[in-house]
Amino acid sequence: MTDTVDWNHEIDTIRHLRATRTKVGPGSSPAVLVIDFQRAFTEHEKIGPGTAVALAHTQDVLEAARAAGIPVIYAVMVLDSLDDRMLAQRVRSSLTERCERGNPWTTISDAVPPAPTDHIVEKTVASAFYRTRLHDLLQELGVDELIVTGTSTSGCVRATVVDAAYRNYRLSIVEECCDDFRTVSGEVSLWDMQDRFGDVVDKRWVLDRLSASTPAQREDGAA
């Protein structure tokens, strides 16, 4: 049956559905979350040209967020032991094998370097919320919306978005700033997140929002 499927048509269909789906809308106090844009997941053997593009788009968003006084948080996979990985990753070959503490592959990509004022949250599985300090940090910062960037769209990005939605955060997943070397999986996951958990938005919309925000507005709780 798969031989008769027009996958280009299927992708066009879910892109249309994604664009026309009712949106939840932004919050009043956002933070930018950068998921797994570290060397292990941005310089591996299967990446395509889209990775560099997503990183460049993300850097634009990060610069705008910092200028507006909006928090930037990096979620990175760092393992004290490879046995800390979930069972499936221990059984199968996985890029997480490069994520032991001290391994240079765990460092954040030079294309999206953290600033001194940014926050870094370590994680051991796909979701940035599972047994991490992320939720507590967001509560301390008064954040009600996550502007989401990172890799992979179908893996760590989606897992984090699902857990954020369960905690009633508003979600703005920036399409141009998400990367997945599995092209179809990435497209389907964007639709799944738009359909069930948050809003998939474009970078221009995010930049326009951030440029309209100032540090003073941020302190007053205005977007």
Protein backbone atom coordinates (compact mmCIF):
# COMPACT_ATOMS: atom_id res chain seq x y z
CA MET A 1 0.00 0.00 0.00
CA THR A 2 2.85 2.42 0.75
CA ASP A 3 3.92 2.21 -2.91
CA THR A 4 0.73 4.06 -3.88
CA VAL A 5 1.10 6.91 -1.36
CA ASP A 6 2.12 10.30 -2.72
CA TRP A 7 4.25 11.49 0.19
CA ASN A 8 4.69 14.96 -1.29
CA HIS A 9 0.91 15.30 -1.31
CA GLU A 10 0.72 14.04 2.28
CA ILE A 11 3.29 16.57 3.45
CA ASP A 12 1.46 19.38 1.63
CA THR A 13 -1.74 18.28 3.33
CA ILE A 14 -0.36 18.35 6.86
CA ARG A 15 1.31 21.70 6.22
CA HIS A 16 -2.08 23.08 5.21
CA LEU A 17 -3.72 21.56 8.29
CA ARG A 18 -0.99 23.02 10.48
CA ALA A 19 -1.42 26.50 9.04
CA THR A 20 -5.20 26.51 9.47
CA ARG A 21 -5.47 24.89 12.91
CA THR A 22 -6.87 27.07 15.68
CA LYS A 23 -4.08 28.55 17.78
CA VAL A 24 -3.91 28.76 21.56
CA GLY A 25 -2.10 32.08 21.46
CA PRO A 26 0.96 33.51 23.23
CA GLY A 27 1.43 34.20 26.90
CA SER A 28 2.41 37.39 28.68
CA SER A 29 5.81 36.27 29.98
CA PRO A 30 7.78 34.13 27.50
CA ALA A 31 11.17 32.46 27.61
CA VAL A 32 13.11 31.00 24.70
CA LEU A 33 13.99 27.32 25.12
CA VAL A 34 16.83 25.83 23.06
CA ILE A 35 16.68 22.03 23.05
CA ASP A 36 19.77 19.89 22.37
CA PHE A 37 21.54 22.24 19.98
CA GLN A 38 24.82 20.72 21.15
CA ARG A 39 27.58 19.18 19.07
CA ALA A 40 26.37 15.59 19.47
CA PHE A 41 23.13 16.45 17.67
CA THR A 42 24.25 19.18 15.27
CA GLU A 43 27.50 17.77 13.88
CA HIS A 44 26.72 14.08 13.48
CA GLU A 45 27.04 12.09 10.27
CA LYS A 46 23.38 12.23 9.20
CA ILE A 47 22.70 15.94 9.39
CA GLY A 48 21.76 17.77 6.22
CA PRO A 49 21.97 21.41 5.15
CA GLY A 50 18.81 22.15 7.14
CA THR A 51 20.72 21.93 10.43
CA ALA A 52 22.90 24.96 9.74
CA VAL A 53 19.84 26.87 8.55
CA ALA A 54 17.89 26.07 11.74
CA LEU A 55 20.86 27.10 13.87
CA ALA A 56 21.17 30.43 12.05
CA HIS A 57 17.45 31.13 12.47
CA THR A 58 17.69 30.25 16.15
CA GLN A 59 20.60 32.62 16.69
CA ASP A 60 18.44 35.44 15.29
CA VAL A 61 15.73 34.60 17.83
CA LEU A 62 18.24 34.40 20.69
CA GLU A 63 19.72 37.80 19.90
CA ALA A 64 16.25 39.35 19.77
CA ALA A 65 15.23 37.71 23.04
CA ARG A 66 18.32 38.93 24.88
CA ALA A 67 17.83 42.45 23.54
CA ALA A 68 14.26 42.35 24.87
CA GLY A 69 15.32 41.07 28.29
CA ILE A 70 13.50 37.76 27.77
CA PRO A 71 15.07 34.68 29.42
CA VAL A 72 16.97 32.18 27.29
CA ILE A 73 17.25 28.61 28.54
CA TYR A 74 19.34 25.82 27.01
CA ALA A 75 18.37 22.21 27.65
CA VAL A 76 21.35 19.91 27.06
CA MET A 77 21.81 16.18 27.43
CA VAL A 78 24.63 15.42 29.88
CA LEU A 79 25.00 11.94 31.38
CA ASP A 80 27.06 11.00 34.42
CA SER A 81 26.90 7.43 33.09
CA LEU A 82 25.64 5.92 29.85
CA ASP A 83 23.51 3.69 32.10
CA ASP A 84 21.44 6.79 32.90
CA ARG A 85 19.90 6.58 29.44
CA MET A 86 16.44 5.12 28.93
CA LEU A 87 16.33 1.44 28.02
CA ALA A 88 15.75 1.87 24.28
CA GLN A 89 18.84 4.07 23.95
CA ARG A 90 20.94 1.62 25.92
CA VAL A 91 19.84 -1.30 23.73
CA ARG A 92 20.14 0.48 20.38
CA SER A 93 22.97 2.53 18.99
CA SER A 94 22.20 6.18 19.70
CA LEU A 95 23.84 9.59 19.45
CA THR A 96 23.37 9.80 23.22
CA GLU A 97 26.50 7.62 23.46
CA ARG A 98 28.39 10.89 22.92
CA CYS A 99 26.74 12.67 25.84
CA GLU A 100 28.76 11.51 28.84
CA ARG A 101 29.91 14.35 31.06
CA GLY A 102 33.28 15.69 29.93
CA ASN A 103 32.85 14.56 26.32
CA PRO A 104 33.36 17.55 23.98
CA TRP A 105 30.30 16.42 22.01
CA THR A 106 28.10 17.61 24.89
CA THR A 107 29.10 21.25 24.38
CA ILE A 108 26.61 23.69 22.90
CA SER A 109 27.07 24.44 19.20
CA ASP A 110 29.24 27.46 18.42
CA ALA A 111 26.44 28.58 16.08
CA VAL A 112 24.17 29.34 19.05
CA PRO A 113 26.54 30.20 21.93
CA PRO A 114 25.02 30.92 25.33
CA ALA A 115 25.40 34.37 26.86
CA PRO A 116 26.47 34.84 30.48
CA THR A 117 22.89 35.73 31.42
CA ASP A 118 21.40 32.56 29.90
CA HIS A 119 20.37 29.48 31.87
CA ILE A 120 21.51 25.90 31.19
CA VAL A 121 19.45 22.91 32.31
CA GLU A 122 20.94 19.42 32.09
CA LYS A 123 18.74 16.46 31.20
CA THR A 124 19.20 12.71 30.70
CA VAL A 125 16.26 11.79 28.45
CA ALA A 126 14.31 13.38 25.61
CA SER A 127 12.07 15.63 27.69
CA ALA A 128 13.70 18.67 29.26
CA PHE A 129 11.20 18.39 32.14
CA TYR A 130 11.89 14.82 33.27
CA ARG A 131 13.78 14.91 36.60
CA THR A 132 15.28 18.33 35.85
CA ARG A 133 15.02 21.78 37.40
CA LEU A 134 13.33 23.29 34.33
CA HIS A 135 9.81 23.65 35.75
CA ASP A 136 11.09 25.18 38.98
CA LEU A 137 13.27 27.60 37.01
CA LEU A 138 10.35 28.68 34.84
CA GLN A 139 8.23 29.27 37.93
CA GLU A 140 11.00 31.36 39.50
CA LEU A 141 11.23 33.44 36.32
CA GLY A 142 7.45 33.86 36.11
CA VAL A 143 7.31 32.28 32.65
CA ASP A 144 3.94 31.28 31.17
CA GLU A 145 5.05 30.62 27.56
CA LEU A 146 7.91 28.77 25.95
CA ILE A 147 9.22 29.82 22.55
CA VAL A 148 10.66 26.49 21.47
CA THR A 149 13.65 25.82 19.23
CA GLY A 150 15.94 22.81 18.86
CA THR A 151 16.45 19.26 17.70
CA SER A 152 15.19 16.79 16.95
CA THR A 153 11.66 17.88 16.15
CA SER A 154 10.27 14.36 16.41
CA GLY A 155 12.31 13.43 19.48
CA CYS A 156 13.46 15.81 22.20
CA VAL A 157 11.49 18.82 20.94
CA ARG A 158 8.21 16.93 20.80
CA ALA A 159 8.80 15.19 24.15
CA THR A 160 9.50 18.52 25.84
CA VAL A 161 6.49 20.18 24.21
CA VAL A 162 4.19 17.39 25.42
CA ASP A 163 5.45 17.71 29.00
CA ALA A 164 5.19 21.51 28.85
CA ALA A 165 1.60 21.27 27.63
CA TYR A 166 0.77 18.95 30.53
CA ARG A 167 1.97 21.74 32.83
CA ASN A 168 -0.25 24.27 31.02
CA TYR A 169 2.50 26.37 29.51
CA ARG A 170 1.61 28.16 26.32
CA LEU A 171 3.85 26.97 23.50
CA SER A 172 5.17 28.70 20.39
CA ILE A 173 7.22 26.18 18.42
CA VAL A 174 9.29 28.09 15.86
CA GLU A 175 9.13 26.13 12.62
CA GLU A 176 12.35 27.48 11.07
CA CYS A 177 14.25 26.89 14.32
CA CYS A 178 13.47 23.17 14.64
CA ASP A 179 15.63 20.55 12.96
CA ASP A 180 15.16 16.85 12.22
CA PHE A 181 17.28 14.82 9.83
CA ARG A 182 14.22 12.56 9.45
CA THR A 183 12.32 14.95 7.19
CA VAL A 184 8.94 13.22 7.24
CA SER A 185 9.08 12.64 11.00
CA GLY A 186 9.81 16.32 11.52
CA GLU A 187 6.89 17.47 9.40
CA VAL A 188 4.46 15.04 11.01
CA SER A 189 5.63 16.03 14.50
CA LEU A 190 5.08 19.73 13.77
CA TRP A 191 1.51 18.90 12.78
CA ASP A 192 1.04 16.70 15.84
CA MET A 193 2.25 19.47 18.16
CA GLN A 194 0.06 22.07 16.44
CA ASP A 195 -2.94 19.76 16.56
CA ARG A 196 -2.65 18.72 20.21
CA PHE A 197 -0.20 20.68 22.32
CA GLY A 198 0.66 24.21 21.23
CA ASP A 199 1.18 26.60 18.34
CA VAL A 200 3.64 26.18 15.48
CA VAL A 201 4.68 29.71 14.48
CA ASP A 202 7.08 31.31 12.03
CA LYS A 203 10.25 33.16 12.93
CA ARG A 204 9.04 36.50 11.58
CA TRP A 205 6.09 36.48 13.97
CA VAL A 206 8.43 35.76 16.89
CA LEU A 207 10.91 38.47 15.91
CA ASP A 208 8.14 41.02 15.54
CA ARG A 209 6.89 40.17 19.04
CA LEU A 210 10.35 40.35 20.56
CA SER A 211 11.21 43.62 18.85
CA ALA A 212 8.06 45.15 20.33
CA SER A 213 9.13 44.07 23.82
CA THR A 214 11.62 45.96 25.98
CA PRO A 215 13.34 45.01 29.24
CA ALA A 216 11.11 47.47 31.06
CA GLN A 217 7.98 45.86 29.60
CA ARG A 218 9.35 42.48 30.62
CA GLU A 219 9.68 43.63 34.24
CA ASP A 220 6.10 44.88 34.14
CA GLY A 221 4.92 41.47 32.89
CA ALA A 222 3.91 42.67 29.43
CA ALA A 223 4.72 40.70 26.27
